[in-house]
Amino acid sequence: MKITNKGKYAVRAMLYIACSNHLVSVKEVAKDEELSSRYLEQIFFSLKKSGLVKSKKGPNGGYSLARNDSKITVGDILKAVEDKETSIIDKYDNQNLNVVIQKEVWDKVEERIEEVLGGITLDKLRNKYYERSVNMYYI
């Protein structure tokens, strides 16, 4: 999986929701995070389709997490919005040397990346965000 701006924005939007204690609109996230609301609408569509967020329509509507933030990983978010067929590292052709390098190096690197992304949950990110906010000093 290649990580694009779409994936980065999706993680930001999900963390924004995790840090909010109310339903969140696309416009709110777009304004506060300085992102395109049209682009975020596409992202939220994918997140909803994947069961990571749920929505409520109406004047007081918006998005919320579909499950507990300790059960949503960065890997889940990226899988919901990124092209699953694209490798973070370009695949080689089937020449002998390249096959060995692909299997022994690049496939293992990609497995490790997916392992790391699968181990980072939204609640961990939220807690780190709050820790950082508390430890900031203003003059």
N, C-alpha and C. Protein backbone atom coordinates (compact mmCIF):
# COMPACT_ATOMS: atom_id res chain seq x y z
N MET A 1 0.84 -1.17 0.00
CA MET A 1 0.00 0.00 0.00
C MET A 1 0.89 1.24 0.00
N LYS A 2 0.63 2.13 -0.93
CA LYS A 2 1.37 3.38 -1.00
C LYS A 2 0.61 4.41 -0.17
N ILE A 3 1.30 5.20 0.62
CA ILE A 3 0.64 6.19 1.47
C ILE A 3 0.71 7.55 0.78
N THR A 4 -0.48 8.05 0.43
CA THR A 4 -0.60 9.32 -0.28
C THR A 4 -1.17 10.38 0.67
N ASN A 5 -1.36 11.59 0.14
CA ASN A 5 -2.00 12.64 0.93
C ASN A 5 -3.39 12.21 1.38
N LYS A 6 -4.08 11.45 0.55
CA LYS A 6 -5.41 10.97 0.91
C LYS A 6 -5.35 10.18 2.22
N GLY A 7 -4.38 9.30 2.34
CA GLY A 7 -4.21 8.53 3.55
C GLY A 7 -3.82 9.38 4.74
N LYS A 8 -2.94 10.33 4.52
CA LYS A 8 -2.52 11.23 5.60
C LYS A 8 -3.69 12.07 6.09
N TYR A 9 -4.49 12.58 5.16
CA TYR A 9 -5.66 13.39 5.53
C TYR A 9 -6.70 12.54 6.26
N ALA A 10 -6.85 11.29 5.84
CA ALA A 10 -7.80 10.39 6.51
C ALA A 10 -7.40 10.15 7.96
N VAL A 11 -6.12 9.95 8.20
CA VAL A 11 -5.64 9.76 9.58
C VAL A 11 -5.89 11.03 10.39
N ARG A 12 -5.60 12.18 9.81
CA ARG A 12 -5.85 13.46 10.51
C ARG A 12 -7.33 13.62 10.85
N ALA A 13 -8.19 13.31 9.88
CA ALA A 13 -9.63 13.46 10.10
C ALA A 13 -10.12 12.50 11.18
N MET A 14 -9.62 11.29 11.17
CA MET A 14 -10.04 10.30 12.18
C MET A 14 -9.54 10.70 13.56
N LEU A 15 -8.33 11.22 13.65
CA LEU A 15 -7.83 11.69 14.94
C LEU A 15 -8.63 12.90 15.41
N TYR A 16 -9.01 13.75 14.49
CA TYR A 16 -9.85 14.91 14.83
C TYR A 16 -11.16 14.43 15.46
N ILE A 17 -11.78 13.44 14.86
CA ILE A 17 -13.03 12.90 15.40
C ILE A 17 -12.78 12.29 16.78
N ALA A 18 -11.69 11.53 16.90
CA ALA A 18 -11.38 10.87 18.18
C ALA A 18 -11.16 11.89 19.30
N CYS A 19 -10.67 13.07 18.95
CA CYS A 19 -10.42 14.11 19.96
C CYS A 19 -11.65 14.97 20.24
N SER A 20 -12.68 14.81 19.45
CA SER A 20 -13.90 15.62 19.62
C SER A 20 -14.90 14.89 20.49
N ASN A 21 -15.69 15.65 21.22
CA ASN A 21 -16.74 15.04 22.04
C ASN A 21 -18.12 15.37 21.48
N HIS A 22 -18.16 15.57 20.16
CA HIS A 22 -19.42 15.86 19.48
C HIS A 22 -19.35 15.31 18.05
N LEU A 23 -20.50 15.28 17.38
CA LEU A 23 -20.51 14.91 15.98
C LEU A 23 -19.73 15.96 15.20
N VAL A 24 -18.96 15.51 14.23
CA VAL A 24 -18.05 16.39 13.50
C VAL A 24 -18.50 16.48 12.05
N SER A 25 -18.61 17.69 11.54
CA SER A 25 -18.97 17.86 10.13
C SER A 25 -17.71 17.91 9.27
N VAL A 26 -17.88 17.61 8.00
CA VAL A 26 -16.76 17.69 7.06
C VAL A 26 -16.25 19.12 7.00
N LYS A 27 -17.17 20.08 7.00
CA LYS A 27 -16.76 21.50 6.94
C LYS A 27 -15.92 21.90 8.15
N GLU A 28 -16.29 21.38 9.32
CA GLU A 28 -15.53 21.69 10.54
C GLU A 28 -14.10 21.18 10.45
N VAL A 29 -13.97 19.92 10.03
CA VAL A 29 -12.63 19.33 9.90
C VAL A 29 -11.85 20.10 8.84
N ALA A 30 -12.47 20.38 7.72
CA ALA A 30 -11.80 21.08 6.64
C ALA A 30 -11.29 22.45 7.10
N LYS A 31 -12.14 23.17 7.81
CA LYS A 31 -11.76 24.51 8.28
C LYS A 31 -10.64 24.43 9.30
N ASP A 32 -10.81 23.59 10.33
CA ASP A 32 -9.84 23.53 11.41
C ASP A 32 -8.50 22.94 10.97
N GLU A 33 -8.54 22.01 10.02
CA GLU A 33 -7.31 21.36 9.58
C GLU A 33 -6.78 21.94 8.26
N GLU A 34 -7.47 22.96 7.75
CA GLU A 34 -7.07 23.62 6.50
C GLU A 34 -6.94 22.63 5.35
N LEU A 35 -8.00 21.87 5.14
CA LEU A 35 -8.06 20.88 4.07
C LEU A 35 -9.26 21.18 3.18
N SER A 36 -9.25 20.66 1.99
CA SER A 36 -10.35 20.83 1.06
C SER A 36 -11.56 20.02 1.52
N SER A 37 -12.71 20.67 1.65
CA SER A 37 -13.91 19.94 2.08
C SER A 37 -14.37 18.96 1.00
N ARG A 38 -14.20 19.30 -0.26
CA ARG A 38 -14.58 18.37 -1.33
C ARG A 38 -13.74 17.09 -1.27
N TYR A 39 -12.46 17.26 -1.03
CA TYR A 39 -11.56 16.11 -0.92
C TYR A 39 -11.91 15.28 0.32
N LEU A 40 -12.19 15.97 1.43
CA LEU A 40 -12.56 15.27 2.67
C LEU A 40 -13.87 14.50 2.52
N GLU A 41 -14.80 15.03 1.74
CA GLU A 41 -16.06 14.30 1.51
C GLU A 41 -15.79 12.94 0.89
N GLN A 42 -14.87 12.89 -0.06
CA GLN A 42 -14.49 11.61 -0.69
C GLN A 42 -13.87 10.67 0.35
N ILE A 43 -13.03 11.23 1.19
CA ILE A 43 -12.36 10.44 2.22
C ILE A 43 -13.38 9.89 3.21
N PHE A 44 -14.29 10.75 3.67
CA PHE A 44 -15.32 10.31 4.62
C PHE A 44 -16.23 9.25 4.00
N PHE A 45 -16.49 9.36 2.71
CA PHE A 45 -17.28 8.34 2.02
C PHE A 45 -16.59 6.98 2.14
N SER A 46 -15.30 6.94 1.88
CA SER A 46 -14.53 5.69 1.98
C SER A 46 -14.47 5.19 3.41
N LEU A 47 -14.30 6.09 4.37
CA LEU A 47 -14.24 5.69 5.78
C LEU A 47 -15.58 5.12 6.24
N LYS A 48 -16.66 5.72 5.77
CA LYS A 48 -17.99 5.22 6.14
C LYS A 48 -18.24 3.86 5.48
N LYS A 49 -17.89 3.74 4.23
CA LYS A 49 -18.06 2.49 3.49
C LYS A 49 -17.29 1.35 4.16
N SER A 50 -16.16 1.68 4.75
CA SER A 50 -15.33 0.68 5.42
C SER A 50 -15.76 0.41 6.86
N GLY A 51 -16.76 1.14 7.34
CA GLY A 51 -17.27 0.92 8.69
C GLY A 51 -16.44 1.56 9.79
N LEU A 52 -15.63 2.56 9.44
CA LEU A 52 -14.82 3.22 10.45
C LEU A 52 -15.51 4.42 11.06
N VAL A 53 -16.40 5.06 10.30
CA VAL A 53 -17.19 6.17 10.83
C VAL A 53 -18.66 5.90 10.53
N LYS A 54 -19.50 6.56 11.31
CA LYS A 54 -20.94 6.54 11.03
C LYS A 54 -21.40 7.98 10.99
N SER A 55 -22.52 8.19 10.33
CA SER A 55 -22.99 9.56 10.17
C SER A 55 -24.43 9.70 10.64
N LYS A 56 -24.75 10.93 10.99
CA LYS A 56 -26.11 11.28 11.35
C LYS A 56 -26.46 12.50 10.52
N LYS A 57 -27.60 12.44 9.84
CA LYS A 57 -28.02 13.55 9.00
C LYS A 57 -28.80 14.56 9.82
N GLY A 58 -28.91 15.76 9.26
CA GLY A 58 -29.70 16.80 9.90
C GLY A 58 -28.87 17.96 10.35
N PRO A 59 -29.55 18.99 10.90
CA PRO A 59 -28.84 20.21 11.30
C PRO A 59 -27.79 19.99 12.39
N ASN A 60 -28.00 19.01 13.25
CA ASN A 60 -27.02 18.70 14.30
C ASN A 60 -26.25 17.43 13.98
N GLY A 61 -26.23 17.08 12.70
CA GLY A 61 -25.59 15.84 12.27
C GLY A 61 -24.10 15.98 12.11
N GLY A 62 -23.51 14.89 11.68
CA GLY A 62 -22.07 14.86 11.45
C GLY A 62 -21.56 13.44 11.54
N TYR A 63 -20.28 13.31 11.72
CA TYR A 63 -19.62 12.01 11.77
C TYR A 63 -19.10 11.71 13.16
N SER A 64 -19.09 10.43 13.48
CA SER A 64 -18.47 9.94 14.71
C SER A 64 -17.80 8.62 14.39
N LEU A 65 -16.96 8.16 15.29
CA LEU A 65 -16.31 6.86 15.09
C LEU A 65 -17.35 5.76 15.18
N ALA A 66 -17.21 4.77 14.33
CA ALA A 66 -18.18 3.66 14.31
C ALA A 66 -17.86 2.64 15.40
N ARG A 67 -16.65 2.66 15.90
CA ARG A 67 -16.28 1.77 17.01
C ARG A 67 -15.27 2.49 17.90
N ASN A 68 -14.96 1.87 19.00
CA ASN A 68 -14.04 2.46 19.98
C ASN A 68 -12.70 2.78 19.32
N ASP A 69 -12.12 3.93 19.71
CA ASP A 69 -10.85 4.34 19.11
C ASP A 69 -9.69 3.40 19.41
N SER A 70 -9.84 2.56 20.42
CA SER A 70 -8.79 1.57 20.71
C SER A 70 -8.86 0.38 19.74
N LYS A 71 -9.91 0.33 18.94
CA LYS A 71 -10.12 -0.77 17.99
C LYS A 71 -9.88 -0.34 16.55
N ILE A 72 -9.46 0.92 16.35
CA ILE A 72 -9.19 1.42 15.00
C ILE A 72 -7.71 1.74 14.89
N THR A 73 -7.04 1.10 13.94
CA THR A 73 -5.61 1.33 13.74
C THR A 73 -5.37 2.25 12.54
N VAL A 74 -4.19 2.81 12.51
CA VAL A 74 -3.79 3.62 11.36
C VAL A 74 -3.83 2.75 10.11
N GLY A 75 -3.45 1.49 10.24
CA GLY A 75 -3.52 0.57 9.11
C GLY A 75 -4.95 0.41 8.60
N ASP A 76 -5.93 0.32 9.50
CA ASP A 76 -7.34 0.23 9.10
C ASP A 76 -7.74 1.46 8.28
N ILE A 77 -7.33 2.61 8.74
CA ILE A 77 -7.69 3.87 8.07
C ILE A 77 -7.08 3.92 6.69
N LEU A 78 -5.80 3.60 6.60
CA LEU A 78 -5.12 3.64 5.30
C LEU A 78 -5.71 2.62 4.33
N LYS A 79 -6.03 1.44 4.83
CA LYS A 79 -6.64 0.43 3.96
C LYS A 79 -7.99 0.88 3.43
N ALA A 80 -8.69 1.71 4.19
CA ALA A 80 -10.00 2.19 3.77
C ALA A 80 -9.92 3.19 2.62
N VAL A 81 -8.83 3.94 2.54
CA VAL A 81 -8.78 5.02 1.55
C VAL A 81 -7.70 4.86 0.48
N GLU A 82 -6.71 4.06 0.73
CA GLU A 82 -5.60 3.92 -0.23
C GLU A 82 -5.84 2.77 -1.20
N ASP A 83 -5.15 2.83 -2.32
CA ASP A 83 -5.20 1.77 -3.32
C ASP A 83 -4.46 0.56 -2.77
N LYS A 84 -5.19 -0.51 -2.53
CA LYS A 84 -4.62 -1.70 -1.90
C LYS A 84 -3.64 -2.45 -2.82
N GLU A 85 -3.77 -2.24 -4.11
CA GLU A 85 -2.93 -2.97 -5.06
C GLU A 85 -1.56 -2.32 -5.27
N THR A 86 -1.41 -1.09 -4.83
CA THR A 86 -0.17 -0.37 -5.05
C THR A 86 0.79 -0.65 -3.90
N SER A 87 2.00 -1.04 -4.23
CA SER A 87 3.01 -1.32 -3.23
C SER A 87 3.74 -0.03 -2.87
N ILE A 88 4.15 0.07 -1.61
CA ILE A 88 4.94 1.22 -1.18
C ILE A 88 6.29 1.21 -1.89
N ILE A 89 6.74 0.04 -2.26
CA ILE A 89 7.99 -0.14 -2.98
C ILE A 89 7.66 -0.79 -4.31
N ASP A 90 8.11 -0.21 -5.40
CA ASP A 90 7.81 -0.75 -6.72
C ASP A 90 8.30 -2.19 -6.84
N LYS A 91 7.43 -3.03 -7.38
CA LYS A 91 7.78 -4.44 -7.57
C LYS A 91 8.71 -4.59 -8.76
N TYR A 92 9.58 -5.58 -8.66
CA TYR A 92 10.51 -5.85 -9.75
C TYR A 92 9.90 -6.83 -10.74
N ASP A 93 10.59 -6.95 -11.87
CA ASP A 93 10.18 -7.96 -12.83
C ASP A 93 10.64 -9.33 -12.34
N ASN A 94 10.48 -10.35 -13.13
CA ASN A 94 10.77 -11.72 -12.68
C ASN A 94 12.18 -12.21 -12.99
N GLN A 95 13.13 -11.32 -13.12
CA GLN A 95 14.50 -11.75 -13.33
C GLN A 95 15.03 -12.31 -12.01
N ASN A 96 15.93 -13.28 -12.09
CA ASN A 96 16.40 -14.01 -10.92
C ASN A 96 16.86 -13.14 -9.76
N LEU A 97 17.73 -12.19 -10.01
CA LEU A 97 18.23 -11.34 -8.94
C LEU A 97 17.11 -10.53 -8.32
N ASN A 98 16.25 -9.99 -9.15
CA ASN A 98 15.16 -9.16 -8.66
C ASN A 98 14.16 -9.94 -7.81
N VAL A 99 13.92 -11.20 -8.17
CA VAL A 99 12.98 -12.02 -7.40
C VAL A 99 13.52 -12.21 -5.99
N VAL A 100 14.80 -12.51 -5.87
CA VAL A 100 15.42 -12.71 -4.55
C VAL A 100 15.37 -11.41 -3.75
N ILE A 101 15.72 -10.31 -4.38
CA ILE A 101 15.69 -9.02 -3.68
C ILE A 101 14.27 -8.69 -3.24
N GLN A 102 13.31 -8.92 -4.13
CA GLN A 102 11.91 -8.63 -3.79
C GLN A 102 11.47 -9.43 -2.58
N LYS A 103 11.72 -10.72 -2.60
CA LYS A 103 11.26 -11.59 -1.51
C LYS A 103 12.03 -11.38 -0.21
N GLU A 104 13.32 -11.17 -0.30
CA GLU A 104 14.15 -11.10 0.89
C GLU A 104 14.29 -9.69 1.47
N VAL A 105 13.98 -8.68 0.69
CA VAL A 105 14.14 -7.32 1.20
C VAL A 105 12.81 -6.58 1.18
N TRP A 106 12.32 -6.27 -0.02
CA TRP A 106 11.17 -5.36 -0.13
C TRP A 106 9.88 -5.94 0.43
N ASP A 107 9.61 -7.21 0.24
CA ASP A 107 8.41 -7.80 0.83
C ASP A 107 8.47 -7.77 2.36
N LYS A 108 9.66 -7.98 2.91
CA LYS A 108 9.82 -7.94 4.37
C LYS A 108 9.68 -6.52 4.91
N VAL A 109 10.20 -5.55 4.19
CA VAL A 109 10.04 -4.15 4.59
C VAL A 109 8.56 -3.79 4.61
N GLU A 110 7.85 -4.18 3.56
CA GLU A 110 6.42 -3.87 3.49
C GLU A 110 5.64 -4.57 4.61
N GLU A 111 5.98 -5.81 4.92
CA GLU A 111 5.32 -6.52 6.03
C GLU A 111 5.55 -5.78 7.35
N ARG A 112 6.75 -5.31 7.56
CA ARG A 112 7.07 -4.59 8.81
C ARG A 112 6.30 -3.28 8.90
N ILE A 113 6.19 -2.57 7.78
CA ILE A 113 5.43 -1.33 7.75
C ILE A 113 3.97 -1.61 8.12
N GLU A 114 3.39 -2.63 7.53
CA GLU A 114 2.00 -2.98 7.83
C GLU A 114 1.84 -3.40 9.29
N GLU A 115 2.85 -4.07 9.85
CA GLU A 115 2.82 -4.45 11.26
C GLU A 115 2.82 -3.21 12.16
N VAL A 116 3.66 -2.25 11.84
CA VAL A 116 3.73 -1.02 12.63
C VAL A 116 2.41 -0.26 12.53
N LEU A 117 1.88 -0.09 11.33
CA LEU A 117 0.63 0.64 11.14
C LEU A 117 -0.54 -0.06 11.84
N GLY A 118 -0.49 -1.38 11.90
CA GLY A 118 -1.53 -2.15 12.57
C GLY A 118 -1.43 -2.08 14.09
N GLY A 119 -0.30 -1.59 14.60
CA GLY A 119 -0.11 -1.50 16.05
C GLY A 119 -0.37 -0.12 16.62
N ILE A 120 -0.64 0.84 15.76
CA ILE A 120 -0.89 2.21 16.22
C ILE A 120 -2.39 2.46 16.15
N THR A 121 -3.01 2.62 17.32
CA THR A 121 -4.45 2.85 17.37
C THR A 121 -4.76 4.33 17.55
N LEU A 122 -5.99 4.69 17.23
CA LEU A 122 -6.41 6.07 17.39
C LEU A 122 -6.33 6.54 18.84
N ASP A 123 -6.63 5.66 19.78
CA ASP A 123 -6.55 6.09 21.18
C ASP A 123 -5.10 6.40 21.58
N LYS A 124 -4.13 5.65 21.03
CA LYS A 124 -2.72 5.96 21.31
C LYS A 124 -2.35 7.32 20.73
N LEU A 125 -2.79 7.58 19.51
CA LEU A 125 -2.51 8.88 18.90
C LEU A 125 -3.18 10.01 19.67
N ARG A 126 -4.43 9.79 20.08
CA ARG A 126 -5.17 10.80 20.85
C ARG A 126 -4.43 11.10 22.16
N ASN A 127 -4.00 10.06 22.85
CA ASN A 127 -3.28 10.25 24.12
C ASN A 127 -1.97 11.00 23.91
N LYS A 128 -1.26 10.69 22.85
CA LYS A 128 -0.01 11.41 22.54
C LYS A 128 -0.29 12.88 22.22
N TYR A 129 -1.40 13.12 21.51
CA TYR A 129 -1.78 14.49 21.20
C TYR A 129 -2.06 15.26 22.48
N TYR A 130 -2.82 14.67 23.38
CA TYR A 130 -3.15 15.34 24.64
C TYR A 130 -1.91 15.54 25.51
N GLU A 131 -1.01 14.55 25.54
CA GLU A 131 0.25 14.70 26.29
C GLU A 131 1.04 15.89 25.76
N ARG A 132 1.11 15.98 24.47
CA ARG A 132 1.87 17.06 23.84
C ARG A 132 1.22 18.41 24.12
N SER A 133 -0.11 18.45 24.08
CA SER A 133 -0.82 19.71 24.34
C SER A 133 -0.62 20.17 25.77
N VAL A 134 -0.61 19.25 26.72
CA VAL A 134 -0.43 19.59 28.14
C VAL A 134 0.98 20.06 28.40
N ASN A 135 1.94 19.47 27.71
CA ASN A 135 3.35 19.81 27.97
C ASN A 135 3.84 21.02 27.20
N MET A 136 2.98 21.68 26.42
CA MET A 136 3.40 22.86 25.69
C MET A 136 3.34 24.07 26.61
N TYR A 137 4.35 24.92 26.49
CA TYR A 137 4.41 26.12 27.30
C TYR A 137 4.18 27.32 26.40
N TYR A 138 3.40 28.24 26.87
CA TYR A 138 3.11 29.44 26.11
C TYR A 138 3.69 30.65 26.83
N ILE A 139 4.27 31.54 26.06
CA ILE A 139 4.86 32.75 26.64
C ILE A 139 4.06 33.95 26.17
